[in-house]
Amino acid sequence: MTSQKMLIVHSKVLPIVFEKVIAAKNLLKSGEATTIQQACELVSLSRSTFYKYKDTVFDYNAQERGRIVNLFMLLRHEPGVLSDIINVIASFKGNILTINQNIPVLDVASLTMTIDTKHMDITPAHIVEEISKNKNCVSAEIIAME
């Protein structure tokens, strides 16, 4: 008997059918489709193919949800910058667990933040993109996830 194992494979090397299965699952989850039949029709997928793969194909980004994420940021030393960052995270239902901001050097402060992403509306990678849009954010990156 062979053991079952999970693999992470880039979607560009897989048949399109796997992406369609994920798309159908997302339509069902979001309520845009109310039945499997409807979801399959919307993504041009047969129901039999959906049933064949539905329990074995997952969106990697969806698996990132519900994790503790550590972020590292460099922020300009301007009033309200940290407040703006906190508001961005709160707007996506992120729960900030820790904040450690260092004294600015050359008008830039380093900051590490730990966030519980369980209830967030977006992925951790997307939250970094949103934080990076702040004109006073020099850089932002994920340094750890568990």
N, C-alpha and C. Protein backbone atom coordinates (compact mmCIF):
# COMPACT_ATOMS: atom_id res chain seq x y z
N MET A 1 0.84 -1.17 0.00
CA MET A 1 0.00 0.00 0.00
C MET A 1 0.90 1.24 0.00
N THR A 2 0.64 2.18 -0.88
CA THR A 2 1.42 3.40 -0.93
C THR A 2 0.83 4.44 0.01
N SER A 3 1.69 5.26 0.59
CA SER A 3 1.20 6.30 1.48
C SER A 3 0.74 7.50 0.65
N GLN A 4 -0.27 8.18 1.17
CA GLN A 4 -0.78 9.36 0.49
C GLN A 4 0.01 10.57 0.96
N LYS A 5 0.34 11.46 0.04
CA LYS A 5 1.04 12.67 0.42
C LYS A 5 0.54 13.84 -0.40
N MET A 6 0.70 15.01 0.17
CA MET A 6 0.29 16.24 -0.48
C MET A 6 1.48 16.83 -1.22
N LEU A 7 1.21 17.42 -2.37
CA LEU A 7 2.24 18.09 -3.16
C LEU A 7 1.77 19.50 -3.48
N ILE A 8 2.70 20.41 -3.60
CA ILE A 8 2.38 21.74 -4.09
C ILE A 8 2.97 21.82 -5.48
N VAL A 9 2.10 22.04 -6.46
CA VAL A 9 2.51 22.07 -7.85
C VAL A 9 1.96 23.35 -8.47
N HIS A 10 2.79 24.05 -9.22
CA HIS A 10 2.33 25.28 -9.88
C HIS A 10 1.24 24.93 -10.89
N SER A 11 0.19 25.73 -10.91
CA SER A 11 -0.96 25.45 -11.78
C SER A 11 -0.63 25.48 -13.27
N LYS A 12 0.42 26.16 -13.66
CA LYS A 12 0.74 26.25 -15.09
C LYS A 12 1.17 24.90 -15.69
N VAL A 13 1.55 23.93 -14.85
CA VAL A 13 1.94 22.62 -15.38
C VAL A 13 0.82 21.59 -15.28
N LEU A 14 -0.33 22.00 -14.77
CA LEU A 14 -1.46 21.08 -14.59
C LEU A 14 -2.54 21.33 -15.64
N PRO A 15 -3.33 20.34 -15.92
CA PRO A 15 -4.48 20.56 -16.82
C PRO A 15 -5.43 21.58 -16.22
N ILE A 16 -6.09 22.35 -17.07
CA ILE A 16 -7.00 23.42 -16.67
C ILE A 16 -8.16 22.91 -15.82
N VAL A 17 -8.46 21.63 -15.91
CA VAL A 17 -9.58 21.06 -15.18
C VAL A 17 -9.44 21.28 -13.68
N PHE A 18 -8.22 21.28 -13.15
CA PHE A 18 -8.03 21.47 -11.71
C PHE A 18 -8.41 22.89 -11.29
N GLU A 19 -8.05 23.87 -12.11
CA GLU A 19 -8.44 25.24 -11.81
C GLU A 19 -9.95 25.41 -11.90
N LYS A 20 -10.57 24.71 -12.82
CA LYS A 20 -12.03 24.78 -12.95
C LYS A 20 -12.73 24.18 -11.73
N VAL A 21 -12.17 23.12 -11.18
CA VAL A 21 -12.73 22.52 -9.97
C VAL A 21 -12.67 23.53 -8.83
N ILE A 22 -11.53 24.18 -8.68
CA ILE A 22 -11.38 25.19 -7.63
C ILE A 22 -12.33 26.36 -7.86
N ALA A 23 -12.46 26.78 -9.12
CA ALA A 23 -13.38 27.88 -9.43
C ALA A 23 -14.82 27.50 -9.09
N ALA A 24 -15.21 26.28 -9.39
CA ALA A 24 -16.57 25.83 -9.07
C ALA A 24 -16.77 25.79 -7.55
N LYS A 25 -15.77 25.31 -6.82
CA LYS A 25 -15.87 25.28 -5.36
C LYS A 25 -16.00 26.70 -4.79
N ASN A 26 -15.27 27.65 -5.38
CA ASN A 26 -15.35 29.04 -4.93
C ASN A 26 -16.72 29.64 -5.22
N LEU A 27 -17.30 29.30 -6.36
CA LEU A 27 -18.65 29.80 -6.68
C LEU A 27 -19.67 29.27 -5.67
N LEU A 28 -19.53 28.03 -5.29
CA LEU A 28 -20.43 27.45 -4.30
C LEU A 28 -20.23 28.09 -2.93
N LYS A 29 -18.98 28.30 -2.57
CA LYS A 29 -18.67 28.88 -1.26
C LYS A 29 -19.17 30.31 -1.16
N SER A 30 -19.04 31.08 -2.24
CA SER A 30 -19.46 32.48 -2.22
C SER A 30 -20.96 32.67 -2.39
N GLY A 31 -21.65 31.60 -2.81
CA GLY A 31 -23.09 31.71 -3.03
C GLY A 31 -23.46 32.16 -4.44
N GLU A 32 -22.45 32.41 -5.28
CA GLU A 32 -22.74 32.80 -6.67
C GLU A 32 -23.39 31.66 -7.44
N ALA A 33 -23.15 30.45 -7.00
CA ALA A 33 -23.82 29.27 -7.55
C ALA A 33 -24.45 28.55 -6.36
N THR A 34 -25.69 28.11 -6.54
CA THR A 34 -26.38 27.46 -5.43
C THR A 34 -26.37 25.94 -5.52
N THR A 35 -26.02 25.42 -6.69
CA THR A 35 -25.94 23.97 -6.86
C THR A 35 -24.64 23.61 -7.56
N ILE A 36 -24.21 22.38 -7.40
CA ILE A 36 -23.01 21.91 -8.10
C ILE A 36 -23.22 21.98 -9.60
N GLN A 37 -24.40 21.62 -10.04
CA GLN A 37 -24.71 21.69 -11.47
C GLN A 37 -24.50 23.11 -12.01
N GLN A 38 -25.03 24.09 -11.28
CA GLN A 38 -24.91 25.48 -11.71
C GLN A 38 -23.44 25.92 -11.71
N ALA A 39 -22.70 25.58 -10.67
CA ALA A 39 -21.28 25.95 -10.60
C ALA A 39 -20.50 25.33 -11.76
N CYS A 40 -20.77 24.07 -12.04
CA CYS A 40 -20.07 23.39 -13.14
C CYS A 40 -20.40 24.03 -14.49
N GLU A 41 -21.65 24.38 -14.68
CA GLU A 41 -22.03 25.04 -15.94
C GLU A 41 -21.32 26.39 -16.10
N LEU A 42 -21.21 27.14 -15.00
CA LEU A 42 -20.58 28.46 -15.06
C LEU A 42 -19.10 28.40 -15.42
N VAL A 43 -18.44 27.30 -15.06
CA VAL A 43 -17.00 27.17 -15.36
C VAL A 43 -16.71 26.17 -16.47
N SER A 44 -17.76 25.69 -17.13
CA SER A 44 -17.62 24.71 -18.22
C SER A 44 -16.89 23.46 -17.77
N LEU A 45 -17.46 22.80 -16.77
CA LEU A 45 -16.87 21.60 -16.19
C LEU A 45 -17.97 20.56 -16.03
N SER A 46 -17.65 19.31 -16.31
CA SER A 46 -18.65 18.27 -16.11
C SER A 46 -18.79 17.97 -14.62
N ARG A 47 -19.99 17.59 -14.22
CA ARG A 47 -20.22 17.25 -12.82
C ARG A 47 -19.39 16.05 -12.39
N SER A 48 -19.24 15.09 -13.28
CA SER A 48 -18.46 13.90 -12.91
C SER A 48 -17.00 14.27 -12.62
N THR A 49 -16.45 15.21 -13.40
CA THR A 49 -15.08 15.65 -13.15
C THR A 49 -14.99 16.40 -11.83
N PHE A 50 -16.00 17.23 -11.57
CA PHE A 50 -16.04 17.94 -10.29
C PHE A 50 -16.01 16.96 -9.12
N TYR A 51 -16.91 15.96 -9.17
CA TYR A 51 -16.98 14.98 -8.08
C TYR A 51 -15.69 14.17 -7.96
N LYS A 52 -15.05 13.91 -9.09
CA LYS A 52 -13.82 13.12 -9.07
C LYS A 52 -12.71 13.83 -8.30
N TYR A 53 -12.62 15.17 -8.44
CA TYR A 53 -11.49 15.91 -7.88
C TYR A 53 -11.83 16.82 -6.70
N LYS A 54 -13.09 17.01 -6.37
CA LYS A 54 -13.47 18.03 -5.39
C LYS A 54 -12.82 17.86 -4.02
N ASP A 55 -12.53 16.64 -3.63
CA ASP A 55 -11.95 16.40 -2.31
C ASP A 55 -10.43 16.28 -2.33
N THR A 56 -9.83 16.47 -3.50
CA THR A 56 -8.38 16.32 -3.59
C THR A 56 -7.67 17.52 -4.20
N VAL A 57 -8.42 18.53 -4.66
CA VAL A 57 -7.83 19.72 -5.26
C VAL A 57 -8.19 20.93 -4.39
N PHE A 58 -7.16 21.67 -3.97
CA PHE A 58 -7.39 22.81 -3.10
C PHE A 58 -6.60 24.01 -3.58
N ASP A 59 -7.13 25.19 -3.30
CA ASP A 59 -6.45 26.43 -3.62
C ASP A 59 -5.42 26.70 -2.52
N TYR A 60 -4.17 26.82 -2.89
CA TYR A 60 -3.11 27.04 -1.90
C TYR A 60 -3.37 28.31 -1.09
N ASN A 61 -3.78 29.41 -1.75
CA ASN A 61 -4.03 30.66 -1.03
C ASN A 61 -5.14 30.50 0.00
N ALA A 62 -6.13 29.69 -0.30
CA ALA A 62 -7.20 29.47 0.67
C ALA A 62 -6.67 28.75 1.89
N GLN A 63 -5.63 27.91 1.71
CA GLN A 63 -5.05 27.20 2.83
C GLN A 63 -4.27 28.13 3.75
N GLU A 64 -3.91 29.32 3.26
CA GLU A 64 -3.17 30.27 4.08
C GLU A 64 -4.05 30.89 5.17
N ARG A 65 -5.35 30.86 5.00
CA ARG A 65 -6.24 31.50 5.96
C ARG A 65 -6.25 30.77 7.28
N GLY A 66 -6.44 31.53 8.33
CA GLY A 66 -6.49 30.94 9.66
C GLY A 66 -5.11 30.77 10.27
N ARG A 67 -4.14 31.44 9.72
CA ARG A 67 -2.78 31.31 10.20
C ARG A 67 -2.34 32.54 10.97
N ILE A 68 -1.32 32.33 11.77
CA ILE A 68 -0.63 33.44 12.43
C ILE A 68 0.46 33.90 11.47
N VAL A 69 0.49 35.18 11.19
CA VAL A 69 1.42 35.73 10.21
C VAL A 69 2.28 36.80 10.88
N ASN A 70 3.59 36.72 10.66
CA ASN A 70 4.51 37.74 11.15
C ASN A 70 4.93 38.60 9.97
N LEU A 71 4.74 39.90 10.13
CA LEU A 71 5.11 40.86 9.09
C LEU A 71 6.28 41.71 9.55
N PHE A 72 7.09 42.13 8.59
CA PHE A 72 8.17 43.09 8.85
C PHE A 72 7.93 44.27 7.93
N MET A 73 8.00 45.47 8.50
CA MET A 73 7.77 46.68 7.71
C MET A 73 8.83 47.72 8.02
N LEU A 74 9.12 48.55 7.03
CA LEU A 74 9.89 49.77 7.23
C LEU A 74 8.94 50.92 6.94
N LEU A 75 8.75 51.77 7.95
CA LEU A 75 7.79 52.87 7.84
C LEU A 75 8.48 54.21 8.04
N ARG A 76 8.09 55.19 7.24
CA ARG A 76 8.63 56.53 7.40
C ARG A 76 8.16 57.11 8.73
N HIS A 77 9.01 57.93 9.32
CA HIS A 77 8.70 58.54 10.61
C HIS A 77 7.78 59.74 10.40
N GLU A 78 6.50 59.45 10.21
CA GLU A 78 5.47 60.47 9.99
C GLU A 78 4.31 60.20 10.94
N PRO A 79 3.65 61.23 11.43
CA PRO A 79 2.51 61.03 12.33
C PRO A 79 1.39 60.24 11.66
N GLY A 80 0.84 59.28 12.38
CA GLY A 80 -0.33 58.53 11.92
C GLY A 80 -0.06 57.34 11.02
N VAL A 81 1.20 57.07 10.69
CA VAL A 81 1.51 55.95 9.78
C VAL A 81 1.11 54.62 10.40
N LEU A 82 1.49 54.39 11.64
CA LEU A 82 1.14 53.13 12.30
C LEU A 82 -0.38 52.98 12.42
N SER A 83 -1.05 54.07 12.73
CA SER A 83 -2.51 54.06 12.82
C SER A 83 -3.14 53.67 11.48
N ASP A 84 -2.59 54.20 10.40
CA ASP A 84 -3.10 53.85 9.06
C ASP A 84 -2.92 52.36 8.78
N ILE A 85 -1.77 51.81 9.13
CA ILE A 85 -1.49 50.38 8.91
C ILE A 85 -2.46 49.53 9.73
N ILE A 86 -2.65 49.91 10.99
CA ILE A 86 -3.58 49.19 11.85
C ILE A 86 -4.99 49.22 11.27
N ASN A 87 -5.41 50.36 10.77
CA ASN A 87 -6.75 50.48 10.18
C ASN A 87 -6.91 49.62 8.94
N VAL A 88 -5.86 49.49 8.13
CA VAL A 88 -5.92 48.61 6.96
C VAL A 88 -6.15 47.17 7.40
N ILE A 89 -5.39 46.74 8.38
CA ILE A 89 -5.52 45.36 8.87
C ILE A 89 -6.91 45.14 9.47
N ALA A 90 -7.37 46.09 10.26
CA ALA A 90 -8.70 45.97 10.88
C ALA A 90 -9.81 45.96 9.83
N SER A 91 -9.63 46.71 8.74
CA SER A 91 -10.67 46.76 7.71
C SER A 91 -10.88 45.41 7.02
N PHE A 92 -9.86 44.53 7.09
CA PHE A 92 -9.98 43.19 6.51
C PHE A 92 -10.17 42.12 7.59
N LYS A 93 -10.53 42.56 8.80
CA LYS A 93 -10.84 41.68 9.93
C LYS A 93 -9.62 40.94 10.47
N GLY A 94 -8.45 41.53 10.31
CA GLY A 94 -7.25 40.95 10.90
C GLY A 94 -7.19 41.29 12.38
N ASN A 95 -6.67 40.38 13.18
CA ASN A 95 -6.54 40.58 14.61
C ASN A 95 -5.06 40.71 14.95
N ILE A 96 -4.65 41.90 15.35
CA ILE A 96 -3.24 42.15 15.66
C ILE A 96 -2.94 41.59 17.04
N LEU A 97 -1.93 40.72 17.09
CA LEU A 97 -1.54 40.09 18.35
C LEU A 97 -0.37 40.81 19.02
N THR A 98 0.62 41.22 18.24
CA THR A 98 1.77 41.95 18.78
C THR A 98 2.23 43.02 17.80
N ILE A 99 2.82 44.08 18.35
CA ILE A 99 3.46 45.13 17.55
C ILE A 99 4.77 45.48 18.25
N ASN A 100 5.85 45.53 17.49
CA ASN A 100 7.14 45.94 18.03
C ASN A 100 7.74 46.93 17.04
N GLN A 101 7.74 48.20 17.42
CA GLN A 101 8.29 49.24 16.56
C GLN A 101 9.56 49.78 17.18
N ASN A 102 10.60 49.90 16.37
CA ASN A 102 11.88 50.42 16.84
C ASN A 102 11.97 51.91 16.61
N ILE A 103 12.93 52.52 17.25
CA ILE A 103 13.17 53.96 17.11
C ILE A 103 13.63 54.23 15.67
N PRO A 104 13.11 55.29 15.06
CA PRO A 104 13.49 55.60 13.67
C PRO A 104 14.99 55.92 13.54
N VAL A 105 15.55 55.43 12.45
CA VAL A 105 16.92 55.75 12.07
C VAL A 105 16.84 56.31 10.66
N LEU A 106 17.37 57.52 10.48
CA LEU A 106 17.27 58.22 9.19
C LEU A 106 15.81 58.34 8.75
N ASP A 107 14.94 58.65 9.72
CA ASP A 107 13.50 58.87 9.49
C ASP A 107 12.74 57.64 8.99
N VAL A 108 13.28 56.45 9.26
CA VAL A 108 12.58 55.20 8.93
C VAL A 108 12.64 54.28 10.15
N ALA A 109 11.46 53.78 10.54
CA ALA A 109 11.38 52.87 11.69
C ALA A 109 11.06 51.47 11.20
N SER A 110 11.71 50.48 11.81
CA SER A 110 11.36 49.09 11.50
C SER A 110 10.28 48.65 12.47
N LEU A 111 9.41 47.77 11.98
CA LEU A 111 8.28 47.32 12.78
C LEU A 111 8.02 45.86 12.46
N THR A 112 7.80 45.07 13.49
CA THR A 112 7.32 43.71 13.29
C THR A 112 5.93 43.61 13.91
N MET A 113 5.08 42.85 13.27
CA MET A 113 3.70 42.73 13.71
C MET A 113 3.26 41.28 13.52
N THR A 114 2.54 40.77 14.49
CA THR A 114 1.97 39.43 14.39
C THR A 114 0.46 39.56 14.28
N ILE A 115 -0.10 38.89 13.28
CA ILE A 115 -1.52 39.01 13.00
C ILE A 115 -2.16 37.63 12.94
N ASP A 116 -3.33 37.51 13.55
CA ASP A 116 -4.16 36.31 13.40
C ASP A 116 -5.05 36.58 12.19
N THR A 117 -4.92 35.75 11.16
CA THR A 117 -5.64 36.00 9.90
C THR A 117 -6.90 35.15 9.76
N LYS A 118 -7.29 34.47 10.82
CA LYS A 118 -8.41 33.52 10.75
C LYS A 118 -9.69 34.13 10.18
N HIS A 119 -9.99 35.37 10.53
CA HIS A 119 -11.24 35.98 10.09
C HIS A 119 -11.05 36.99 8.95
N MET A 120 -9.85 37.02 8.38
CA MET A 120 -9.58 38.00 7.34
C MET A 120 -10.28 37.67 6.04
N ASP A 121 -10.66 38.72 5.32
CA ASP A 121 -11.33 38.60 4.04
C ASP A 121 -10.35 38.36 2.89
N ILE A 122 -9.06 38.56 3.14
CA ILE A 122 -8.05 38.42 2.08
C ILE A 122 -6.90 37.56 2.60
N THR A 123 -6.04 37.16 1.68
CA THR A 123 -4.88 36.32 2.04
C THR A 123 -3.78 37.18 2.67
N PRO A 124 -2.85 36.55 3.37
CA PRO A 124 -1.72 37.31 3.93
C PRO A 124 -0.92 38.06 2.86
N ALA A 125 -0.73 37.43 1.71
CA ALA A 125 0.01 38.11 0.64
C ALA A 125 -0.72 39.37 0.18
N HIS A 126 -2.03 39.31 0.14
CA HIS A 126 -2.82 40.47 -0.28
C HIS A 126 -2.76 41.58 0.78
N ILE A 127 -2.74 41.22 2.05
CA ILE A 127 -2.65 42.25 3.10
C ILE A 127 -1.33 43.01 2.98
N VAL A 128 -0.25 42.30 2.62
CA VAL A 128 1.04 42.97 2.41
C VAL A 128 0.93 43.96 1.25
N GLU A 129 0.25 43.56 0.18
CA GLU A 129 0.04 44.46 -0.95
C GLU A 129 -0.73 45.71 -0.52
N GLU A 130 -1.76 45.52 0.29
CA GLU A 130 -2.58 46.65 0.75
C GLU A 130 -1.78 47.58 1.65
N ILE A 131 -0.99 47.02 2.55
CA ILE A 131 -0.15 47.83 3.44
C ILE A 131 0.87 48.61 2.61
N SER A 132 1.44 47.97 1.60
CA SER A 132 2.46 48.60 0.76
C SER A 132 1.93 49.79 -0.03
N LYS A 133 0.62 49.89 -0.19
CA LYS A 133 0.03 51.03 -0.90
C LYS A 133 0.14 52.33 -0.12
N ASN A 134 0.38 52.23 1.18
CA ASN A 134 0.53 53.42 2.00
C ASN A 134 1.79 54.16 1.58
N LYS A 135 1.68 55.45 1.28
CA LYS A 135 2.82 56.22 0.77
C LYS A 135 3.98 56.29 1.76
N ASN A 136 3.71 56.06 3.05
CA ASN A 136 4.76 56.10 4.06
C ASN A 136 5.30 54.72 4.43
N CYS A 137 4.88 53.70 3.70
CA CYS A 137 5.41 52.36 3.90
C CYS A 137 6.54 52.15 2.90
N VAL A 138 7.76 52.06 3.40
CA VAL A 138 8.92 51.86 2.53
C VAL A 138 8.93 50.43 2.00
N SER A 139 8.63 49.46 2.88
CA SER A 139 8.54 48.07 2.46
C SER A 139 7.73 47.29 3.48
N ALA A 140 7.16 46.17 3.01
CA ALA A 140 6.40 45.27 3.89
C ALA A 140 6.57 43.87 3.32
N GLU A 141 6.75 42.90 4.22
CA GLU A 141 6.91 41.52 3.78
C GLU A 141 6.50 40.55 4.87
N ILE A 142 6.13 39.36 4.45
CA ILE A 142 5.82 38.28 5.38
C ILE A 142 7.16 37.63 5.75
N ILE A 143 7.42 37.52 7.05
CA ILE A 143 8.68 36.88 7.47
C ILE A 143 8.45 35.49 8.05
N ALA A 144 7.20 35.20 8.43
CA ALA A 144 6.89 33.86 8.95
C ALA A 144 5.39 33.65 8.96
N MET A 145 5.00 32.38 8.83
CA MET A 145 3.59 31.98 8.94
C MET A 145 3.55 30.64 9.63
N GLU A 146 2.57 30.46 10.49
CA GLU A 146 2.39 29.14 11.08
C GLU A 146 0.94 28.73 11.02
